[in-house]
N, C-alpha and C. Protein backbone atom coordinates (compact mmCIF):
# COMPACT_ATOMS: atom_id res chain seq x y z
N MET A 1 -46.06 -64.13 -1.17
CA MET A 1 -45.95 -63.47 -2.59
C MET A 1 -44.99 -64.19 -3.15
N PRO A 2 -45.31 -65.13 -4.35
CA PRO A 2 -44.18 -65.66 -5.14
C PRO A 2 -42.82 -65.04 -6.08
N GLY A 3 -41.96 -65.70 -5.52
CA GLY A 3 -40.67 -64.98 -5.90
C GLY A 3 -39.70 -64.06 -4.75
N THR A 4 -40.26 -63.96 -4.01
CA THR A 4 -39.80 -63.07 -2.89
C THR A 4 -38.89 -64.12 -1.63
N GLN A 5 -39.14 -65.20 -1.68
CA GLN A 5 -38.26 -66.12 -0.97
C GLN A 5 -36.97 -66.00 -1.11
N GLY A 6 -35.94 -65.96 -0.14
CA GLY A 6 -34.60 -65.97 -0.63
C GLY A 6 -34.12 -67.73 -0.49
N ILE A 7 -33.04 -67.98 -1.24
CA ILE A 7 -32.24 -69.01 -1.55
C ILE A 7 -32.16 -69.99 -0.20
N GLY A 8 -32.04 -69.35 0.81
CA GLY A 8 -31.70 -69.82 2.06
C GLY A 8 -33.55 -70.29 2.84
N THR A 9 -34.38 -69.49 2.59
CA THR A 9 -35.65 -69.95 2.75
C THR A 9 -36.06 -71.14 2.01
N ILE A 10 -35.77 -71.28 0.96
CA ILE A 10 -36.12 -72.21 0.22
C ILE A 10 -35.59 -73.75 0.49
N PHE A 11 -34.02 -73.91 0.54
CA PHE A 11 -33.23 -74.80 0.44
C PHE A 11 -32.68 -74.87 2.06
N GLY A 12 -32.65 -73.75 3.32
CA GLY A 12 -32.33 -73.82 4.27
C GLY A 12 -30.98 -73.22 4.52
N GLU A 13 -30.89 -72.60 5.56
CA GLU A 13 -29.19 -71.98 5.57
C GLU A 13 -28.32 -73.02 5.88
N GLN A 14 -28.53 -74.10 6.24
CA GLN A 14 -27.49 -75.56 6.58
C GLN A 14 -27.19 -75.86 5.39
N THR A 15 -27.99 -76.32 3.94
CA THR A 15 -28.16 -76.61 3.08
C THR A 15 -26.65 -75.79 2.51
N ILE A 16 -27.32 -74.44 2.02
CA ILE A 16 -26.34 -73.37 1.74
C ILE A 16 -25.19 -73.42 1.98
N SER A 17 -25.33 -73.11 3.26
CA SER A 17 -23.57 -73.47 4.32
C SER A 17 -22.60 -74.30 3.64
N LEU A 18 -23.02 -76.00 3.50
CA LEU A 18 -22.64 -76.90 3.19
C LEU A 18 -22.25 -76.89 1.67
N LEU A 19 -23.15 -75.88 0.80
CA LEU A 19 -23.16 -76.02 -0.41
C LEU A 19 -21.77 -74.96 -0.81
N ARG A 20 -21.40 -73.71 0.03
CA ARG A 20 -20.38 -72.95 0.12
C ARG A 20 -19.34 -73.51 0.64
N SER A 21 -19.04 -74.56 1.47
CA SER A 21 -18.20 -75.00 1.39
C SER A 21 -17.37 -76.22 0.56
N PHE A 22 -18.34 -76.41 -0.41
CA PHE A 22 -18.50 -77.82 -1.29
C PHE A 22 -17.25 -76.38 -1.90
N VAL A 23 -17.86 -75.91 -2.73
CA VAL A 23 -17.77 -75.11 -4.04
C VAL A 23 -16.48 -74.18 -3.49
N HIS A 24 -15.97 -73.87 -2.61
CA HIS A 24 -14.98 -73.30 -1.82
C HIS A 24 -13.51 -74.09 -1.90
N ALA A 25 -14.00 -75.50 -1.31
CA ALA A 25 -13.20 -76.66 -1.20
C ALA A 25 -12.79 -77.23 -2.35
N HIS A 26 -13.73 -77.41 -3.59
CA HIS A 26 -13.18 -77.88 -5.27
C HIS A 26 -13.29 -76.99 -6.40
N PHE A 27 -13.44 -75.54 -5.82
CA PHE A 27 -13.35 -74.94 -6.93
C PHE A 27 -12.74 -73.36 -7.11
N VAL A 28 -12.14 -73.00 -5.72
CA VAL A 28 -11.65 -72.11 -5.53
C VAL A 28 -10.04 -72.72 -5.43
N ARG A 29 -9.35 -71.50 -6.63
CA ARG A 29 -7.74 -71.59 -6.78
C ARG A 29 -7.24 -71.40 -5.42
N PRO A 30 -6.03 -72.29 -4.81
CA PRO A 30 -5.54 -72.32 -3.48
C PRO A 30 -4.72 -71.05 -3.97
N ILE A 31 -4.12 -69.99 -2.98
CA ILE A 31 -2.94 -68.96 -2.92
C ILE A 31 -2.02 -69.89 -3.61
N ARG A 32 -0.87 -69.13 -4.43
CA ARG A 32 0.00 -69.65 -5.14
C ARG A 32 1.41 -69.24 -4.60
N GLN A 33 2.14 -69.85 -4.36
CA GLN A 33 3.43 -69.50 -3.91
C GLN A 33 4.36 -68.55 -5.31
N ASN A 34 5.04 -67.67 -4.84
CA ASN A 34 6.10 -67.08 -5.87
C ASN A 34 7.48 -67.32 -5.37
N THR A 35 7.99 -68.27 -5.82
CA THR A 35 9.42 -68.00 -5.20
C THR A 35 10.21 -67.47 -6.34
N PRO A 36 11.27 -66.19 -5.42
CA PRO A 36 12.29 -65.94 -6.59
C PRO A 36 13.23 -67.05 -7.20
N GLU A 37 13.51 -66.85 -8.40
CA GLU A 37 14.28 -67.70 -8.98
C GLU A 37 13.62 -68.53 -9.84
N LYS A 38 12.49 -69.16 -9.52
CA LYS A 38 11.94 -70.18 -10.17
C LYS A 38 11.11 -69.53 -11.48
N PHE A 39 11.16 -70.41 -12.52
CA PHE A 39 11.11 -70.22 -14.12
C PHE A 39 9.62 -70.57 -13.75
N TRP A 40 8.62 -69.80 -14.88
CA TRP A 40 7.28 -69.55 -15.01
C TRP A 40 7.11 -69.68 -16.08
N PHE A 41 6.08 -70.74 -16.86
CA PHE A 41 5.89 -71.27 -18.30
C PHE A 41 4.26 -70.61 -18.29
N VAL A 42 4.09 -69.68 -18.85
CA VAL A 42 2.85 -68.53 -19.12
C VAL A 42 2.15 -68.78 -20.31
N THR A 43 0.94 -68.83 -20.69
CA THR A 43 0.33 -68.98 -21.93
C THR A 43 -0.80 -68.22 -21.75
N SER A 44 -1.25 -67.45 -22.83
CA SER A 44 -2.68 -67.28 -23.15
C SER A 44 -3.37 -67.04 -24.44
N ARG A 45 -4.42 -67.87 -24.46
CA ARG A 45 -4.95 -67.67 -25.96
C ARG A 45 -5.96 -66.92 -26.17
N THR A 46 -6.60 -66.11 -27.49
CA THR A 46 -7.50 -65.74 -27.67
C THR A 46 -8.88 -65.77 -27.43
N LEU A 47 -9.67 -65.43 -27.56
CA LEU A 47 -11.14 -65.83 -26.83
C LEU A 47 -11.72 -66.67 -28.32
N GLU A 48 -12.47 -67.66 -28.10
CA GLU A 48 -12.32 -68.44 -29.07
C GLU A 48 -11.23 -69.08 -30.13
N SER A 49 -10.26 -68.93 -29.64
CA SER A 49 -8.92 -69.09 -30.05
C SER A 49 -9.04 -68.52 -31.75
N ARG A 50 -9.52 -67.21 -31.75
CA ARG A 50 -9.48 -66.52 -32.93
C ARG A 50 -8.53 -65.63 -33.33
N PHE A 51 -7.96 -65.33 -34.53
CA PHE A 51 -6.71 -64.94 -34.65
C PHE A 51 -6.53 -63.15 -34.74
N PHE A 52 -7.00 -62.99 -33.51
CA PHE A 52 -6.51 -61.26 -33.21
C PHE A 52 -5.17 -61.10 -33.07
N LEU A 53 -4.29 -62.29 -32.88
CA LEU A 53 -2.52 -61.93 -33.28
C LEU A 53 -2.03 -62.23 -34.59
N LYS A 54 -2.61 -62.06 -35.48
CA LYS A 54 -2.18 -62.41 -36.60
C LYS A 54 -1.11 -61.75 -36.71
N PRO A 55 0.17 -62.13 -37.32
CA PRO A 55 1.27 -61.47 -37.47
C PRO A 55 1.37 -60.18 -38.69
N ASP A 56 0.61 -59.13 -38.73
CA ASP A 56 0.80 -58.13 -39.74
C ASP A 56 1.51 -57.19 -39.09
N PRO A 57 2.06 -56.37 -39.26
CA PRO A 57 3.28 -55.63 -38.72
C PRO A 57 2.86 -54.19 -37.88
N GLN A 58 1.30 -54.08 -37.73
CA GLN A 58 0.83 -53.33 -36.63
C GLN A 58 1.00 -54.03 -35.39
N ALA A 59 0.34 -55.61 -35.42
CA ALA A 59 -0.27 -56.41 -34.48
C ALA A 59 1.50 -56.54 -34.03
N VAL A 60 2.32 -56.85 -34.71
CA VAL A 60 3.59 -57.27 -34.43
C VAL A 60 4.38 -55.91 -33.49
N GLU A 61 4.15 -54.62 -33.89
CA GLU A 61 4.76 -53.49 -33.21
C GLU A 61 3.84 -53.58 -31.92
N ILE A 62 2.50 -53.73 -32.12
CA ILE A 62 1.89 -53.39 -30.52
C ILE A 62 2.20 -54.83 -29.68
N VAL A 63 2.59 -55.91 -29.76
CA VAL A 63 2.98 -56.68 -28.90
C VAL A 63 4.01 -56.67 -28.83
N GLY A 64 5.39 -56.15 -29.49
CA GLY A 64 7.09 -56.09 -28.73
C GLY A 64 6.74 -54.81 -28.13
N PHE A 65 5.84 -53.84 -28.32
CA PHE A 65 5.89 -52.45 -27.93
C PHE A 65 5.39 -52.71 -26.13
N PHE A 66 4.51 -53.48 -26.19
CA PHE A 66 3.59 -53.49 -24.88
C PHE A 66 4.64 -54.58 -23.81
N LEU A 67 5.01 -55.76 -24.66
CA LEU A 67 6.00 -56.30 -23.95
C LEU A 67 7.43 -55.78 -23.05
N ALA A 68 7.73 -55.00 -24.18
CA ALA A 68 9.01 -54.13 -23.52
C ALA A 68 8.54 -53.40 -22.68
N ARG A 69 7.34 -52.58 -22.62
CA ARG A 69 7.06 -51.37 -21.79
C ARG A 69 6.50 -51.89 -20.75
N ALA A 70 6.05 -53.19 -20.57
CA ALA A 70 6.20 -54.06 -19.56
C ALA A 70 7.00 -54.46 -18.54
N LEU A 71 8.33 -54.77 -19.63
CA LEU A 71 9.38 -55.12 -18.77
C LEU A 71 10.25 -54.20 -18.24
N ARG A 72 9.88 -52.96 -18.80
CA ARG A 72 10.75 -51.93 -18.10
C ARG A 72 10.29 -51.12 -17.15
N ARG A 73 8.70 -51.55 -16.80
CA ARG A 73 7.82 -50.90 -15.89
C ARG A 73 7.98 -52.33 -14.54
N PHE A 74 8.61 -53.59 -14.51
CA PHE A 74 8.64 -54.44 -13.83
C PHE A 74 9.86 -54.67 -13.85
N PRO A 75 10.85 -53.85 -13.91
CA PRO A 75 12.41 -54.68 -13.63
C PRO A 75 12.68 -56.06 -12.80
N ALA A 76 11.91 -56.46 -11.81
CA ALA A 76 12.13 -57.97 -11.39
C ALA A 76 11.73 -58.87 -12.10
N ILE A 77 11.07 -58.82 -13.52
CA ILE A 77 10.58 -59.82 -14.07
C ILE A 77 11.62 -59.96 -15.36
N ARG A 78 12.28 -61.14 -15.28
CA ARG A 78 13.45 -61.40 -16.47
C ARG A 78 12.86 -62.47 -17.00
N LEU A 79 12.82 -62.45 -18.52
CA LEU A 79 12.07 -62.82 -19.81
C LEU A 79 13.12 -63.67 -20.48
N ALA A 80 12.85 -65.23 -20.50
CA ALA A 80 13.85 -66.05 -21.19
C ALA A 80 13.73 -66.15 -22.30
N ALA A 81 12.11 -66.18 -22.78
CA ALA A 81 11.63 -66.93 -23.47
C ALA A 81 10.23 -65.79 -23.98
N PHE A 82 9.93 -65.71 -25.31
CA PHE A 82 8.58 -65.23 -25.80
C PHE A 82 8.24 -65.57 -27.07
N VAL A 83 7.12 -66.08 -27.51
CA VAL A 83 6.71 -66.25 -28.80
C VAL A 83 5.44 -65.93 -28.85
N CYS A 84 4.77 -65.02 -30.10
CA CYS A 84 3.26 -65.12 -30.27
C CYS A 84 2.92 -65.60 -31.30
N LEU A 85 2.00 -66.26 -31.12
CA LEU A 85 1.31 -66.46 -32.47
C LEU A 85 -0.13 -66.18 -32.69
N SER A 86 -0.59 -66.61 -34.03
CA SER A 86 -1.76 -65.82 -34.14
C SER A 86 -2.82 -65.86 -33.31
N ASN A 87 -3.13 -67.08 -32.55
CA ASN A 87 -4.32 -67.08 -31.32
C ASN A 87 -3.92 -67.38 -30.09
N HIS A 88 -2.72 -67.12 -29.83
CA HIS A 88 -2.16 -67.11 -28.40
C HIS A 88 -0.41 -66.86 -28.51
N TRP A 89 -0.04 -66.75 -27.03
CA TRP A 89 1.05 -66.38 -26.82
C TRP A 89 1.96 -67.31 -25.77
N HIS A 90 2.92 -67.55 -25.28
CA HIS A 90 4.15 -68.25 -24.38
C HIS A 90 4.90 -67.33 -24.14
N MET A 91 5.45 -67.55 -22.64
CA MET A 91 6.86 -66.81 -22.06
C MET A 91 7.34 -67.36 -20.95
N VAL A 92 8.53 -67.28 -21.08
CA VAL A 92 9.00 -68.05 -19.63
C VAL A 92 9.73 -67.13 -19.38
N LEU A 93 9.34 -67.09 -17.80
CA LEU A 93 10.29 -65.95 -17.09
C LEU A 93 10.33 -66.29 -15.59
N GLN A 94 11.04 -65.18 -15.21
CA GLN A 94 11.45 -65.80 -13.74
C GLN A 94 11.04 -63.95 -12.66
N ASP A 95 10.28 -64.56 -11.73
CA ASP A 95 9.62 -63.08 -10.59
C ASP A 95 11.08 -62.88 -9.87
N GLN A 96 11.71 -62.14 -9.72
CA GLN A 96 12.33 -61.75 -8.58
C GLN A 96 11.77 -60.89 -7.66
N GLY A 97 11.00 -60.39 -7.77
CA GLY A 97 10.38 -59.18 -7.16
C GLY A 97 8.78 -59.38 -6.55
N GLY A 98 8.20 -60.75 -6.66
CA GLY A 98 6.69 -60.87 -6.24
C GLY A 98 5.65 -60.20 -7.16
N ASP A 99 6.35 -59.74 -8.51
CA ASP A 99 5.58 -58.72 -9.15
C ASP A 99 4.68 -59.44 -10.24
N LEU A 100 4.70 -60.62 -10.28
CA LEU A 100 4.37 -61.77 -11.85
C LEU A 100 3.09 -61.35 -11.87
N TYR A 101 1.85 -61.34 -11.17
CA TYR A 101 0.64 -61.08 -11.52
C TYR A 101 0.42 -59.53 -11.69
N ALA A 102 1.14 -58.41 -11.15
CA ALA A 102 0.65 -57.14 -11.83
C ALA A 102 1.59 -57.02 -12.99
N PHE A 103 2.32 -57.78 -13.67
CA PHE A 103 3.36 -57.60 -14.84
C PHE A 103 2.53 -58.08 -15.82
N LEU A 104 1.86 -59.45 -15.51
CA LEU A 104 0.98 -59.89 -16.25
C LEU A 104 -0.74 -59.19 -16.75
N GLU A 105 -1.02 -58.79 -15.68
CA GLU A 105 -2.05 -57.87 -15.60
C GLU A 105 -2.28 -56.75 -16.61
N TYR A 106 -0.76 -56.17 -16.23
CA TYR A 106 -0.13 -54.89 -17.48
C TYR A 106 -0.31 -55.20 -18.72
N PHE A 107 0.66 -56.15 -18.85
CA PHE A 107 0.90 -56.98 -20.24
C PHE A 107 -0.31 -57.25 -21.00
N ILE A 108 -1.26 -58.07 -20.46
CA ILE A 108 -2.37 -58.46 -21.07
C ILE A 108 -3.55 -57.09 -21.53
N GLY A 109 -3.81 -56.78 -20.43
CA GLY A 109 -4.26 -55.65 -20.61
C GLY A 109 -4.30 -54.42 -21.41
N ASN A 110 -3.10 -54.05 -21.58
CA ASN A 110 -2.68 -53.26 -22.71
C ASN A 110 -2.69 -53.87 -23.96
N LEU A 111 -2.22 -54.78 -24.02
CA LEU A 111 -2.36 -55.66 -25.14
C LEU A 111 -3.58 -55.92 -25.83
N ALA A 112 -4.65 -56.20 -24.74
CA ALA A 112 -5.99 -56.64 -25.32
C ALA A 112 -6.59 -55.13 -26.02
N ARG A 113 -6.71 -53.92 -25.28
CA ARG A 113 -6.81 -53.29 -25.48
C ARG A 113 -6.46 -52.14 -26.74
N GLU A 114 -5.39 -52.35 -26.95
CA GLU A 114 -4.57 -52.05 -28.29
C GLU A 114 -5.22 -53.03 -29.57
N ILE A 115 -5.15 -54.30 -29.16
CA ILE A 115 -5.54 -55.43 -30.44
C ILE A 115 -7.03 -55.23 -30.62
N ASN A 116 -7.68 -54.93 -30.00
CA ASN A 116 -9.01 -54.25 -30.50
C ASN A 116 -9.30 -53.25 -31.03
N VAL A 117 -8.63 -51.94 -30.40
CA VAL A 117 -8.52 -50.87 -31.41
C VAL A 117 -8.30 -51.26 -32.63
N LEU A 118 -6.61 -52.21 -33.18
CA LEU A 118 -6.44 -52.57 -34.31
C LEU A 118 -7.47 -53.08 -35.26
N ARG A 119 -8.40 -54.12 -34.54
CA ARG A 119 -9.42 -55.10 -35.20
C ARG A 119 -10.40 -54.35 -35.32
N GLY A 120 -10.63 -53.07 -34.70
CA GLY A 120 -11.91 -52.66 -35.09
C GLY A 120 -12.83 -53.14 -34.30
N ARG A 121 -12.80 -53.89 -32.83
CA ARG A 121 -13.78 -54.58 -32.20
C ARG A 121 -13.49 -53.92 -30.37
N SER A 122 -14.55 -54.42 -29.98
CA SER A 122 -14.52 -54.11 -28.42
C SER A 122 -14.90 -55.47 -27.49
N GLY A 123 -14.89 -55.63 -26.35
CA GLY A 123 -14.61 -56.80 -25.61
C GLY A 123 -13.61 -58.11 -25.30
N THR A 124 -13.54 -58.76 -25.27
CA THR A 124 -12.67 -59.58 -24.27
C THR A 124 -11.76 -60.36 -25.80
N VAL A 125 -10.44 -59.82 -25.45
CA VAL A 125 -9.37 -60.81 -26.02
C VAL A 125 -8.96 -62.22 -25.45
N PHE A 126 -8.28 -61.68 -24.51
CA PHE A 126 -7.52 -63.01 -23.16
C PHE A 126 -8.80 -63.64 -22.10
N PRO A 127 -9.40 -64.69 -22.39
CA PRO A 127 -10.87 -64.98 -21.43
C PRO A 127 -10.03 -65.60 -19.90
């Protein structure tokens, strides 16, 4: 019956195994090491570089609120610099407790949700 063959049947299991190895070797990012006292430069741009973060009073308050809240929730994160422009932001920070990824997930997730509410939209803000 057409359309019922699996990809392994069509191309062969050995070919599929080689393809998986190639993809893993060339496209999967390695696990990063997090060294305390190391400075990190982090940046994130908005979807299609749209001006979701334009500096109107409500957006400025939302960004500041969630940045402060994230820093309070993750005290091992030490912020050295932060700048927010209309379509992206940058921060320089130190992670002294291995919380960098959780901090960013918390900050970016909450920021995106509230920016969507402010702008009357849904969907991705930071790809």
